[in-house]
Protein backbone atom coordinates (compact mmCIF):
# COMPACT_ATOMS: atom_id res chain seq x y z
CA MET A 1 4.14 1.05 27.82
CA ILE A 2 7.49 2.55 26.83
CA ASN A 3 10.63 0.73 25.75
CA VAL A 4 13.73 2.89 26.02
CA ILE A 5 16.11 1.43 23.48
CA THR A 6 19.78 2.23 23.26
CA TYR A 7 20.39 3.77 19.86
CA ILE A 8 21.64 1.18 17.41
CA LYS A 9 24.37 2.73 15.34
CA PRO A 10 23.76 1.93 11.67
CA VAL A 11 26.30 -0.29 10.00
CA LYS A 12 27.49 0.37 6.49
CA PHE A 13 24.49 0.61 4.16
CA THR A 14 23.73 -2.77 2.70
CA THR A 15 22.21 -3.63 -0.65
CA LYS A 16 22.10 -7.36 0.08
CA LEU A 17 18.56 -8.72 -0.17
CA SER A 18 18.96 -11.20 2.68
CA ASP A 19 19.77 -8.32 5.06
CA TYR A 20 16.11 -7.27 4.74
CA ASP A 21 14.73 -10.63 5.84
CA TYR A 22 13.16 -11.59 9.17
CA ASP A 23 11.13 -14.47 10.60
CA LEU A 24 7.46 -14.01 11.43
CA PRO A 25 5.12 -16.54 13.10
CA LYS A 26 2.07 -17.14 10.91
CA GLU A 27 -0.25 -16.37 13.80
CA LEU A 28 0.91 -12.72 13.74
CA ILE A 29 -0.33 -12.20 10.17
CA ALA A 30 -3.66 -10.38 10.55
CA GLN A 31 -6.40 -12.29 8.73
CA GLN A 32 -9.25 -9.83 9.24
CA PRO A 33 -9.73 -6.24 10.33
CA LEU A 34 -10.36 -5.26 13.92
CA LYS A 35 -13.92 -4.35 14.89
CA ASP A 36 -12.89 -0.69 15.14
CA ARG A 37 -10.39 0.75 12.66
CA ASP A 38 -8.64 2.97 15.17
CA ASP A 39 -8.25 0.27 17.83
CA ALA A 40 -5.00 -0.94 16.26
CA GLN A 41 -1.83 -0.92 18.30
CA LEU A 42 0.57 1.90 17.48
CA LEU A 43 4.32 1.46 17.84
CA VAL A 44 6.01 4.86 17.95
CA LEU A 45 9.64 4.81 16.80
CA TYR A 46 11.95 7.79 17.32
CA ARG A 47 14.34 7.34 14.44
CA ASP A 48 17.15 9.46 15.90
CA THR A 49 17.36 7.57 19.21
CA GLY A 50 15.71 4.19 18.65
CA ARG A 51 13.26 4.91 21.48
CA ILE A 52 9.99 2.97 21.23
CA GLU A 53 6.59 3.65 22.76
CA HIS A 54 3.46 1.50 22.64
CA ARG A 55 0.13 3.26 22.18
CA LYS A 56 -3.20 2.86 20.39
CA PHE A 57 -3.81 4.39 16.99
CA ASN A 58 -6.65 6.48 18.40
CA GLU A 59 -3.99 8.25 20.50
CA ILE A 60 -1.93 9.32 17.49
CA ILE A 61 -3.10 12.91 17.86
CA ASP A 62 -0.83 13.16 20.94
CA TYR A 63 2.13 13.11 18.55
CA LEU A 64 0.83 15.73 16.12
CA SER A 65 1.12 19.50 16.31
CA GLN A 66 -0.67 22.31 14.51
CA GLU A 67 2.47 23.15 12.53
CA ASP A 68 2.37 19.74 10.83
CA LEU A 69 0.94 18.79 7.45
CA LEU A 70 -0.65 15.34 7.15
CA ILE A 71 -0.67 13.73 3.70
CA LEU A 72 -3.10 10.91 2.84
CA ASN A 73 -3.55 8.81 -0.31
CA ASP A 74 -7.14 9.02 -1.58
CA THR A 75 -6.91 6.19 -4.10
CA LYS A 76 -9.84 3.78 -4.14
CA VAL A 77 -9.46 0.02 -4.48
CA ILE A 78 -11.45 -1.54 -7.29
CA PRO A 79 -12.97 -5.05 -6.94
CA ALA A 80 -10.33 -6.30 -9.35
CA ARG A 81 -10.42 -10.04 -8.64
CA LEU A 82 -12.72 -12.17 -10.81
CA ILE A 83 -13.42 -15.89 -10.55
CA GLY A 84 -14.62 -17.70 -13.66
CA ASN A 85 -13.91 -20.49 -16.09
CA LYS A 86 -12.77 -21.33 -19.60
CA ALA A 87 -15.13 -22.83 -22.17
CA SER A 88 -13.77 -26.23 -21.14
CA GLY A 89 -14.91 -25.59 -17.57
CA ALA A 90 -11.37 -25.12 -16.25
CA PHE A 91 -11.06 -22.76 -13.28
CA VAL A 92 -9.86 -19.20 -13.97
CA GLU A 93 -8.85 -16.41 -11.60
CA LEU A 94 -8.22 -12.96 -13.06
CA LEU A 95 -6.79 -9.84 -11.47
CA ARG A 96 -7.24 -6.57 -13.36
CA THR A 97 -4.05 -4.56 -12.84
CA GLU A 98 -4.27 -1.64 -15.27
CA ARG A 99 -6.85 -0.21 -17.64
CA LEU A 100 -5.46 0.22 -21.15
CA THR A 101 -8.24 1.51 -23.43
CA GLY A 102 -12.00 1.02 -23.38
CA ASN A 103 -12.73 -2.53 -22.23
CA ARG A 104 -9.10 -3.61 -22.53
CA TRP A 105 -7.15 -4.29 -19.37
CA LYS A 106 -3.78 -5.60 -18.38
CA ALA A 107 -4.39 -8.53 -16.06
CA LEU A 108 -2.81 -11.43 -14.24
CA VAL A 109 -4.58 -14.68 -15.12
CA LYS A 110 -4.30 -18.05 -13.37
CA SER A 111 -5.94 -21.31 -14.39
CA ASN A 112 -5.67 -25.04 -13.75
CA ALA A 113 -5.46 -25.42 -17.53
CA LYS A 114 -3.03 -24.02 -20.09
CA LEU A 115 -3.80 -20.47 -21.26
CA LYS A 116 -3.18 -19.30 -24.80
CA LYS A 117 -3.89 -16.33 -27.02
CA GLY A 118 -7.51 -16.31 -28.19
CA ASP A 119 -8.91 -18.18 -25.19
CA GLU A 120 -12.27 -16.95 -23.97
CA LEU A 121 -12.95 -16.64 -20.28
CA TYR A 122 -16.43 -16.58 -18.73
CA PHE A 123 -17.68 -14.96 -15.53
CA ASP A 124 -20.93 -14.46 -13.62
CA ASN A 125 -22.52 -17.73 -14.80
CA ASN A 126 -21.30 -17.10 -18.35
CA THR A 127 -23.13 -13.76 -18.67
CA ILE A 128 -19.88 -11.90 -19.30
CA SER A 129 -16.82 -12.96 -21.26
CA ALA A 130 -13.29 -11.79 -21.97
CA ILE A 131 -10.70 -12.82 -24.54
CA LEU A 132 -6.95 -13.22 -24.08
CA LEU A 133 -5.29 -10.99 -26.70
CA GLU A 134 -1.60 -10.89 -25.92
CA LYS A 135 0.85 -12.12 -23.28
CA PHE A 136 3.62 -9.89 -21.94
CA THR A 137 7.08 -11.10 -20.99
CA ASP A 138 6.25 -10.53 -17.31
CA GLY A 139 3.45 -13.13 -17.55
CA SER A 140 0.53 -10.71 -17.57
CA TRP A 141 -2.07 -10.57 -20.35
CA VAL A 142 -3.95 -8.01 -22.40
CA ILE A 143 -7.61 -8.97 -22.10
CA GLU A 144 -10.75 -7.47 -23.59
CA PHE A 145 -14.21 -7.80 -22.05
CA ASP A 146 -17.31 -8.07 -24.22
CA THR A 147 -19.42 -4.95 -24.65
CA LYS A 148 -22.91 -6.44 -24.33
CA ASN A 149 -23.41 -5.07 -20.84
CA ASN A 150 -22.44 -1.98 -18.88
CA ILE A 151 -19.09 -3.53 -18.10
CA GLU A 152 -18.19 -1.25 -15.20
CA GLU A 153 -21.40 -1.99 -13.33
CA VAL A 154 -21.02 -5.71 -13.89
CA LEU A 155 -17.37 -5.84 -12.85
CA ASP A 156 -18.14 -3.82 -9.74
CA ARG A 157 -20.95 -6.22 -8.85
CA ILE A 158 -19.19 -9.53 -9.45
CA GLY A 159 -15.63 -8.53 -8.59
CA GLN A 160 -13.97 -9.32 -5.27
CA MET A 161 -11.57 -7.11 -3.36
CA PRO A 162 -8.00 -8.05 -4.34
CA LEU A 163 -6.83 -9.19 -0.92
CA PRO A 164 -3.16 -10.14 -0.72
CA PRO A 165 -2.44 -13.90 -0.80
CA TYR A 166 -1.44 -14.08 2.87
CA ILE A 167 -5.04 -13.19 3.84
CA LYS A 168 -6.99 -16.42 3.54
CA ARG A 169 -10.70 -16.62 2.77
CA SER A 170 -12.80 -19.73 2.21
CA LYS A 171 -16.05 -19.96 0.27
CA SER A 172 -17.89 -20.30 3.58
CA GLU A 173 -16.74 -16.85 4.71
CA ASP A 174 -19.22 -14.78 2.71
CA THR A 175 -19.68 -12.36 5.60
CA LEU A 176 -15.95 -11.63 5.73
CA PHE A 177 -15.83 -11.18 1.95
CA SER A 178 -18.63 -8.67 2.27
CA SER A 179 -16.90 -6.75 5.07
CA ASP A 180 -13.70 -6.63 3.01
CA ARG A 181 -15.52 -4.38 0.56
CA GLU A 182 -15.74 -1.76 3.28
CA ARG A 183 -12.71 -2.45 5.44
CA TYR A 184 -10.09 -2.98 2.71
CA GLN A 185 -10.77 0.64 1.78
CA THR A 186 -9.91 3.89 3.54
CA VAL A 187 -12.75 6.12 4.74
CA PHE A 188 -11.42 8.88 2.45
CA ALA A 189 -11.04 6.78 -0.72
CA ARG A 190 -12.48 8.56 -3.75
CA LYS A 191 -10.38 8.05 -6.92
CA GLU A 192 -10.78 4.55 -8.34
CA GLY A 193 -7.73 2.77 -9.68
CA ALA A 194 -5.86 0.81 -6.99
CA ILE A 195 -5.56 -2.97 -6.86
CA ALA A 196 -4.36 -2.89 -3.25
CA ALA A 197 -5.20 -0.65 -0.32
CA PRO A 198 -2.82 2.02 1.00
CA THR A 199 -2.92 0.12 4.27
CA ALA A 200 -1.52 2.76 6.64
CA GLY A 201 -4.62 4.82 5.89
CA LEU A 202 -7.00 2.03 6.92
CA HIS A 203 -6.67 2.99 10.60
CA PHE A 204 -8.15 6.48 10.19
CA THR A 205 -11.79 7.14 11.04
CA THR A 206 -13.82 10.24 10.24
CA ASN A 207 -13.77 10.98 13.97
CA ILE A 208 -9.98 10.94 14.17
CA LEU A 209 -9.70 13.10 11.07
CA GLU A 210 -12.04 15.64 12.65
CA LYS A 211 -9.97 15.67 15.85
CA ILE A 212 -6.82 16.24 13.81
CA LYS A 213 -8.42 19.19 12.03
CA LYS A 214 -9.55 20.66 15.37
CA ARG A 215 -5.96 20.38 16.59
CA GLY A 216 -5.11 22.82 13.79
CA LEU A 217 -3.32 20.47 11.41
CA GLU A 218 -3.89 20.72 7.70
CA ILE A 219 -4.80 17.51 5.89
CA GLU A 220 -4.12 17.14 2.18
CA PHE A 221 -4.57 14.30 -0.31
CA VAL A 222 -2.36 12.92 -3.04
CA THR A 223 -3.22 9.96 -5.24
CA LEU A 224 -1.14 6.92 -6.05
CA HIS A 225 -3.02 4.02 -7.59
CA VAL A 226 -1.38 1.14 -5.78
CA GLY A 227 -0.36 -1.54 -8.24
CA LEU A 228 2.15 -4.32 -8.65
CA GLY A 229 5.09 -1.99 -8.09
CA THR A 230 4.32 -1.48 -4.43
CA PHE A 231 3.82 -5.09 -3.40
CA LEU A 232 5.87 -7.37 -5.65
CA PRO A 233 8.75 -8.95 -3.73
CA VAL A 234 12.32 -8.01 -4.52
CA LYS A 235 14.07 -11.03 -6.04
CA THR A 236 17.49 -9.68 -7.05
CA GLU A 237 20.20 -10.43 -4.48
CA ASP A 238 21.58 -6.93 -5.05
CA ILE A 239 18.51 -4.79 -4.37
CA ARG A 240 19.85 -2.06 -6.67
CA ASP A 241 19.04 -4.37 -9.60
CA HIS A 242 15.32 -4.46 -8.73
CA LEU A 243 13.00 -2.79 -11.23
CA MET A 244 9.82 -1.22 -9.86
CA HIS A 245 6.60 -1.33 -11.86
CA LYS A 246 5.32 2.13 -12.67
CA GLU A 247 2.28 3.42 -10.78
CA TYR A 248 0.15 6.45 -11.60
CA TYR A 249 0.15 9.42 -9.23
CA GLU A 250 -1.40 12.88 -8.89
CA CYS A 251 -0.55 15.74 -6.54
CA PRO A 252 -2.31 19.13 -6.43
CA GLU A 253 0.08 22.03 -6.93
CA GLU A 254 -1.23 23.64 -3.73
CA ILE A 255 0.33 20.82 -1.67
CA ILE A 256 3.83 21.73 -2.82
CA ARG A 257 3.32 25.32 -1.71
CA LYS A 258 2.05 24.10 1.66
CA ILE A 259 5.02 21.75 2.09
CA LYS A 260 7.45 24.61 1.58
CA LYS A 261 5.51 26.79 4.00
CA VAL A 262 5.49 24.04 6.66
CA LYS A 263 9.23 23.57 6.33
CA GLU A 264 9.82 27.31 6.66
CA GLN A 265 7.82 27.22 9.91
CA LYS A 266 9.78 24.17 11.17
CA GLY A 267 6.72 21.93 11.00
CA ARG A 268 6.69 18.36 9.74
CA VAL A 269 5.37 16.76 6.59
CA ILE A 270 3.82 13.47 7.73
CA ALA A 271 3.31 10.93 4.96
CA THR A 272 0.67 8.29 5.55
CA GLY A 273 2.06 5.14 3.99
CA SER A 274 4.81 4.38 1.54
CA THR A 275 2.54 5.41 -1.33
CA SER A 276 2.10 9.01 -0.13
CA CYS A 277 5.81 9.11 0.64
CA ARG A 278 6.76 7.99 -2.87
CA VAL A 279 4.49 10.60 -4.47
CA LEU A 280 6.08 13.40 -2.47
CA GLU A 281 9.63 12.20 -3.00
CA THR A 282 9.00 11.65 -6.72
CA ILE A 283 8.00 15.30 -7.02
CA ALA A 284 10.86 16.45 -4.77
CA ARG A 285 13.45 14.89 -7.10
CA ASN A 286 12.76 17.65 -9.61
CA ASP A 287 11.98 20.55 -7.30
CA LEU A 288 12.55 23.34 -9.81
CA ALA A 289 10.10 21.91 -12.34
CA PRO A 290 7.93 19.45 -10.42
CA GLN A 291 5.84 16.97 -12.38
CA LEU A 292 2.55 16.89 -10.48
CA SER A 293 1.07 13.86 -12.22
CA GLY A 294 2.37 10.92 -14.18
CA TRP A 295 3.95 7.55 -13.56
CA THR A 296 6.51 6.81 -10.88
CA ASP A 297 8.87 3.89 -10.50
CA LEU A 298 10.79 5.46 -7.63
CA PHE A 299 12.49 2.76 -5.55
CA ILE A 300 13.62 4.06 -2.18
CA TYR A 301 16.24 2.06 -0.30
CA PRO A 302 19.18 2.92 2.01
CA PRO A 303 20.88 5.30 1.75
CA TYR A 304 18.32 7.87 0.61
CA GLU A 305 17.98 11.56 1.40
CA PHE A 306 14.32 12.40 2.02
CA LYS A 307 13.59 15.90 0.80
CA TYR A 308 9.93 16.40 1.72
CA VAL A 309 8.92 13.74 4.25
CA ASN A 310 9.77 14.28 7.94
CA ALA A 311 7.58 11.63 9.61
CA MET A 312 5.73 8.56 8.45
CA ILE A 313 2.71 6.47 9.40
CA THR A 314 3.16 2.92 8.14
CA ASN A 315 2.11 -0.69 8.73
CA PHE A 316 4.45 -3.61 9.35
CA HIS A 317 5.74 -4.93 6.04
CA LEU A 318 6.67 -8.27 4.52
CA PRO A 319 10.32 -9.35 4.50
CA MET A 320 12.45 -8.57 1.47
CA THR A 321 10.01 -6.08 -0.05
CA SER A 322 10.54 -2.57 -1.37
CA LEU A 323 8.23 -1.38 1.44
CA LEU A 324 10.58 -2.67 4.14
CA MET A 325 13.51 -1.11 2.31
CA LEU A 326 11.75 2.26 2.16
CA VAL A 327 11.11 2.42 5.90
CA SER A 328 14.67 1.18 6.47
CA ALA A 329 15.92 4.11 4.43
CA PHE A 330 13.79 6.44 6.56
CA ALA A 331 14.57 5.15 10.06
CA GLY A 332 17.62 2.92 9.63
CA ARG A 333 17.53 -0.80 8.87
CA GLU A 334 18.76 -1.75 12.35
CA ASN A 335 16.14 0.42 14.07
CA ILE A 336 13.36 -1.00 11.90
CA LEU A 337 14.33 -4.64 12.37
CA ASN A 338 14.76 -4.06 16.11
CA ALA A 339 11.28 -2.46 16.26
CA TYR A 340 9.85 -5.44 14.37
CA GLU A 341 11.38 -7.87 16.88
CA ILE A 342 9.83 -5.91 19.75
CA ALA A 343 6.49 -5.78 17.93
CA LYS A 344 6.59 -9.56 17.52
CA SER A 345 7.31 -10.06 21.22
CA GLU A 346 4.40 -7.75 22.12
CA GLY A 347 1.95 -9.59 19.86
CA TYR A 348 1.47 -6.89 17.22
CA ARG A 349 -0.51 -7.89 14.13
CA PHE A 350 1.40 -7.66 10.85
CA PHE A 351 0.73 -6.67 7.23
CA SER A 352 -2.35 -5.19 5.55
CA TYR A 353 -4.99 -5.68 8.27
CA GLY A 354 -2.36 -5.39 11.00
CA ASP A 355 -1.18 -2.78 13.44
CA CYS A 356 0.65 0.45 12.77
CA MET A 357 3.92 2.34 13.26
CA LEU A 358 4.53 6.05 13.61
CA ILE A 359 8.12 6.96 12.75
CA ILE A 360 9.12 10.42 13.99
């Protein structure tokens, strides 16, 4: 089905947080993955005209040409969520957010009892423990796990996938928890370090990737370990005052050469997800002396001149988030919010396990 939309002329760029808000019925928030990854609905948005088409993700190859370069994020989600208790028996939930050194991590810690420096936390029927060493001003903690066991093997075994809070799981849904280990991970994930999935990449299957290669497209991988910076809501009423958390990225030098070649040949650089987009645009900011790895806190919001990215594959994002602001900068806030309204009326599924957009 095709919706021909009259182009919505952008108004003056707005930095008001409430201008990036929208209402969403709870029943449109996807709670579990589809049986087949590539069976998601695909809303195609032509950013220059506002035209919208409705397809399936497994038809995305119809919109790709052999002159294009497809960029994917190969970060791998770690089972960062741990459920345990204090010595008193109080409930504890811990989310590892960043490795510091050795067995020390930065983590978010919640409990139904007061937490203080020096508290010991216990996991896996008290076979593994961690101590709270220091609290940061942002509320996170430095924690250190004991060294009695092979900590990585244990954490991988007992940890849960760090699903976002709008995806609900009960203790009786062990089968779903188990499937999350596979489905909240892209088929091309290989570099451990993310605490959230690069969700636009979840729709790809090995079969689709093979079809894309046979079409003649080149596929390349960057890495951005998705952390708090990507998903924390914006809370400042003037979005320009928002501070992004830094996230680690890597990009092979060969990709930059290929990007320049594609642009010379009038092809498109297609970024899969906001994470791939931010890696490329971070590097593009310093084109003469690109930094191919490091930490980025790039916050993209309207107006923004994209230097490398020509098209984008992306999911439907939460209101008032940096993700929604990024796609608004790419396609126009009015076009994006109009597309979201149409998606709602057509029953699209939103957020991490939801359906997909292709913006061209």
